[in-house]
Amino acid sequence: HPMAHTLEGFKIAERKDLNVGHVFLAMMLAVIVGILCGFWAMLHVFYRHGMDGSILGPGRWFGQEPFMTLNGWILSPRART
């Protein structure tokens, strides 16, 4: 979970008398760049090696758990207690 690292970064910025707003913007920029690079890398590997690429293992299972959970909720909804 990224929360511990985020709080640690803010604590370091506070102790070093850095502008917390600039640290926050740097963290948000890192998140956006990381997400974009991650999506690009995943698409690149799947395109180059196929969904069963040896680098990432069996790609056909990617996203299976959330899909199956949603499928279960839709096909057999349960009453909330």
N, C-alpha and C. Protein backbone atom coordinates (compact mmCIF):
# COMPACT_ATOMS: atom_id res chain seq x y z
N HIS A 1 0.84 -1.17 0.00
CA HIS A 1 0.00 0.00 0.00
C HIS A 1 0.89 1.23 0.00
N PRO A 2 0.61 2.21 -0.85
CA PRO A 2 1.50 3.37 -0.97
C PRO A 2 1.36 4.40 0.16
N MET A 3 0.39 4.23 1.02
CA MET A 3 0.16 5.26 2.04
C MET A 3 1.35 5.45 2.97
N ALA A 4 1.99 4.37 3.38
CA ALA A 4 3.13 4.49 4.30
C ALA A 4 4.28 5.26 3.64
N HIS A 5 4.54 5.00 2.39
CA HIS A 5 5.62 5.70 1.69
C HIS A 5 5.28 7.18 1.48
N THR A 6 4.02 7.45 1.22
CA THR A 6 3.59 8.84 1.04
C THR A 6 3.75 9.62 2.33
N LEU A 7 3.30 9.06 3.42
CA LEU A 7 3.44 9.74 4.71
C LEU A 7 4.91 9.93 5.08
N GLU A 8 5.73 8.94 4.79
CA GLU A 8 7.17 9.05 5.06
C GLU A 8 7.79 10.18 4.23
N GLY A 9 7.37 10.29 2.98
CA GLY A 9 7.86 11.39 2.14
C GLY A 9 7.46 12.74 2.67
N PHE A 10 6.23 12.87 3.15
CA PHE A 10 5.80 14.14 3.73
C PHE A 10 6.56 14.45 5.02
N LYS A 11 6.86 13.43 5.81
CA LYS A 11 7.62 13.64 7.04
C LYS A 11 9.05 14.09 6.73
N ILE A 12 9.66 13.49 5.73
CA ILE A 12 11.00 13.91 5.33
C ILE A 12 10.97 15.34 4.82
N ALA A 13 9.97 15.69 4.02
CA ALA A 13 9.85 17.06 3.52
C ALA A 13 9.68 18.05 4.66
N GLU A 14 8.92 17.66 5.68
CA GLU A 14 8.71 18.53 6.84
C GLU A 14 10.01 18.74 7.61
N ARG A 15 10.77 17.67 7.81
CA ARG A 15 12.02 17.78 8.57
C ARG A 15 13.10 18.53 7.82
N LYS A 16 13.09 18.46 6.50
CA LYS A 16 14.09 19.15 5.68
C LYS A 16 13.63 20.54 5.24
N ASP A 17 12.51 21.00 5.77
CA ASP A 17 11.94 22.31 5.45
C ASP A 17 11.72 22.50 3.94
N LEU A 18 11.20 21.45 3.30
CA LEU A 18 10.85 21.54 1.89
C LEU A 18 9.39 21.96 1.76
N ASN A 19 9.06 22.48 0.59
CA ASN A 19 7.69 22.88 0.32
C ASN A 19 6.84 21.62 0.13
N VAL A 20 5.91 21.38 1.02
CA VAL A 20 5.08 20.16 0.97
C VAL A 20 4.24 20.12 -0.30
N GLY A 21 3.83 21.27 -0.79
CA GLY A 21 3.07 21.32 -2.04
C GLY A 21 3.88 20.81 -3.22
N HIS A 22 5.17 21.17 -3.25
CA HIS A 22 6.03 20.68 -4.33
C HIS A 22 6.25 19.17 -4.22
N VAL A 23 6.39 18.69 -3.00
CA VAL A 23 6.54 17.24 -2.80
C VAL A 23 5.27 16.52 -3.26
N PHE A 24 4.12 17.07 -2.94
CA PHE A 24 2.86 16.46 -3.37
C PHE A 24 2.76 16.42 -4.89
N LEU A 25 3.11 17.52 -5.56
CA LEU A 25 3.07 17.55 -7.02
C LEU A 25 4.05 16.54 -7.62
N ALA A 26 5.23 16.42 -7.02
CA ALA A 26 6.20 15.44 -7.50
C ALA A 26 5.66 14.02 -7.35
N MET A 27 4.99 13.75 -6.23
CA MET A 27 4.41 12.42 -6.02
C MET A 27 3.30 12.14 -7.03
N MET A 28 2.46 13.11 -7.30
CA MET A 28 1.37 12.92 -8.26
C MET A 28 1.92 12.72 -9.67
N LEU A 29 2.98 13.47 -10.01
CA LEU A 29 3.61 13.30 -11.32
C LEU A 29 4.20 11.90 -11.43
N ALA A 30 4.83 11.42 -10.36
CA ALA A 30 5.41 10.07 -10.36
C ALA A 30 4.32 9.01 -10.51
N VAL A 31 3.18 9.22 -9.88
CA VAL A 31 2.06 8.27 -10.00
C VAL A 31 1.57 8.22 -11.44
N ILE A 32 1.37 9.38 -12.05
CA ILE A 32 0.86 9.43 -13.42
C ILE A 32 1.84 8.80 -14.39
N VAL A 33 3.13 9.15 -14.27
CA VAL A 33 4.14 8.58 -15.15
C VAL A 33 4.25 7.07 -14.93
N GLY A 34 4.18 6.63 -13.68
CA GLY A 34 4.26 5.20 -13.39
C GLY A 34 3.09 4.43 -13.98
N ILE A 35 1.90 4.98 -13.88
CA ILE A 35 0.71 4.31 -14.45
C ILE A 35 0.84 4.21 -15.96
N LEU A 36 1.21 5.30 -16.61
CA LEU A 36 1.35 5.29 -18.07
C LEU A 36 2.44 4.33 -18.52
N CYS A 37 3.58 4.34 -17.84
CA CYS A 37 4.66 3.42 -18.20
C CYS A 37 4.26 1.96 -17.95
N GLY A 38 3.53 1.71 -16.88
CA GLY A 38 3.08 0.35 -16.60
C GLY A 38 2.13 -0.16 -17.65
N PHE A 39 1.18 0.67 -18.07
CA PHE A 39 0.25 0.25 -19.12
C PHE A 39 0.99 0.01 -20.43
N TRP A 40 1.92 0.92 -20.77
CA TRP A 40 2.68 0.74 -22.00
C TRP A 40 3.49 -0.54 -21.94
N ALA A 41 4.17 -0.78 -20.84
CA ALA A 41 5.02 -1.98 -20.73
C ALA A 41 4.18 -3.24 -20.84
N MET A 42 3.02 -3.26 -20.21
CA MET A 42 2.16 -4.44 -20.26
C MET A 42 1.68 -4.69 -21.69
N LEU A 43 1.24 -3.64 -22.37
CA LEU A 43 0.79 -3.81 -23.76
C LEU A 43 1.94 -4.23 -24.67
N HIS A 44 3.11 -3.65 -24.44
CA HIS A 44 4.27 -3.99 -25.27
C HIS A 44 4.64 -5.47 -25.11
N VAL A 45 4.70 -5.95 -23.88
CA VAL A 45 5.07 -7.35 -23.64
C VAL A 45 4.01 -8.29 -24.21
N PHE A 46 2.73 -7.97 -24.01
CA PHE A 46 1.68 -8.83 -24.54
C PHE A 46 1.68 -8.82 -26.07
N TYR A 47 1.97 -7.69 -26.68
CA TYR A 47 2.01 -7.64 -28.14
C TYR A 47 3.21 -8.41 -28.67
N ARG A 48 4.35 -8.24 -28.02
CA ARG A 48 5.58 -8.86 -28.50
C ARG A 48 5.62 -10.36 -28.24
N HIS A 49 5.19 -10.80 -27.07
CA HIS A 49 5.31 -12.20 -26.68
C HIS A 49 3.98 -12.94 -26.65
N GLY A 50 2.90 -12.25 -26.87
CA GLY A 50 1.60 -12.88 -26.80
C GLY A 50 1.09 -12.92 -25.37
N MET A 51 -0.16 -13.25 -25.20
CA MET A 51 -0.75 -13.27 -23.87
C MET A 51 -0.14 -14.32 -22.98
N ASP A 52 0.47 -15.35 -23.55
CA ASP A 52 1.14 -16.38 -22.76
C ASP A 52 2.65 -16.13 -22.75
N GLY A 53 3.04 -14.84 -22.78
CA GLY A 53 4.45 -14.49 -22.82
C GLY A 53 5.21 -15.05 -21.63
N SER A 54 6.44 -15.46 -21.89
CA SER A 54 7.23 -16.07 -20.82
C SER A 54 7.67 -15.06 -19.77
N ILE A 55 7.66 -13.78 -20.10
CA ILE A 55 8.10 -12.77 -19.13
C ILE A 55 7.09 -12.60 -18.02
N LEU A 56 5.81 -12.51 -18.35
CA LEU A 56 4.78 -12.27 -17.34
C LEU A 56 4.02 -13.53 -16.94
N GLY A 57 4.37 -14.65 -17.51
CA GLY A 57 3.62 -15.86 -17.19
C GLY A 57 2.31 -15.90 -17.97
N PRO A 58 1.40 -16.71 -17.52
CA PRO A 58 0.14 -16.87 -18.26
C PRO A 58 -0.69 -15.58 -18.25
N GLY A 59 -0.72 -14.89 -19.36
CA GLY A 59 -1.45 -13.64 -19.45
C GLY A 59 -2.95 -13.81 -19.50
N ARG A 60 -3.40 -15.01 -19.82
CA ARG A 60 -4.85 -15.20 -19.91
C ARG A 60 -5.52 -15.09 -18.54
N TRP A 61 -4.74 -15.19 -17.46
CA TRP A 61 -5.31 -15.07 -16.12
C TRP A 61 -5.32 -13.63 -15.63
N PHE A 62 -4.77 -12.72 -16.42
CA PHE A 62 -4.70 -11.33 -16.00
C PHE A 62 -6.11 -10.76 -15.85
N GLY A 63 -6.42 -10.26 -14.69
CA GLY A 63 -7.72 -9.67 -14.44
C GLY A 63 -8.82 -10.67 -14.18
N GLN A 64 -8.48 -11.93 -14.04
CA GLN A 64 -9.52 -12.95 -13.87
C GLN A 64 -10.23 -12.83 -12.53
N GLU A 65 -9.50 -12.55 -11.46
CA GLU A 65 -10.13 -12.49 -10.14
C GLU A 65 -11.18 -11.38 -10.04
N PRO A 66 -10.87 -10.12 -10.43
CA PRO A 66 -11.94 -9.11 -10.35
C PRO A 66 -13.11 -9.41 -11.28
N PHE A 67 -12.82 -9.99 -12.46
CA PHE A 67 -13.90 -10.32 -13.38
C PHE A 67 -14.81 -11.37 -12.78
N MET A 68 -14.22 -12.41 -12.20
CA MET A 68 -15.04 -13.48 -11.62
C MET A 68 -15.84 -12.99 -10.42
N THR A 69 -15.26 -12.08 -9.63
CA THR A 69 -16.00 -11.50 -8.50
C THR A 69 -17.20 -10.71 -9.00
N LEU A 70 -16.99 -9.85 -9.99
CA LEU A 70 -18.08 -9.07 -10.56
C LEU A 70 -19.12 -9.98 -11.20
N ASN A 71 -18.67 -11.00 -11.90
CA ASN A 71 -19.58 -11.95 -12.53
C ASN A 71 -20.46 -12.63 -11.48
N GLY A 72 -19.88 -13.00 -10.35
CA GLY A 72 -20.65 -13.61 -9.27
C GLY A 72 -21.67 -12.66 -8.69
N TRP A 73 -21.27 -11.39 -8.53
CA TRP A 73 -22.21 -10.40 -7.99
C TRP A 73 -23.39 -10.19 -8.93
N ILE A 74 -23.13 -10.20 -10.24
CA ILE A 74 -24.19 -9.95 -11.21
C ILE A 74 -25.12 -11.17 -11.35
N LEU A 75 -24.53 -12.38 -11.44
CA LEU A 75 -25.33 -13.57 -11.68
C LEU A 75 -26.07 -14.07 -10.44
N SER A 76 -25.50 -13.89 -9.28
CA SER A 76 -26.18 -14.36 -8.07
C SER A 76 -26.00 -13.33 -6.95
N PRO A 77 -26.76 -12.23 -7.04
CA PRO A 77 -26.64 -11.20 -6.01
C PRO A 77 -27.15 -11.71 -4.65
N ARG A 78 -26.52 -11.21 -3.61
CA ARG A 78 -26.94 -11.58 -2.24
C ARG A 78 -27.52 -10.37 -1.55
N ALA A 79 -28.49 -10.60 -0.71
CA ALA A 79 -29.09 -9.51 0.07
C ALA A 79 -28.10 -9.08 1.14
N ARG A 80 -27.96 -7.78 1.34
CA ARG A 80 -27.07 -7.28 2.38
C ARG A 80 -27.76 -7.37 3.72
N THR A 81 -26.97 -7.75 4.71
CA THR A 81 -27.55 -7.88 6.05
C THR A 81 -27.08 -6.77 6.95
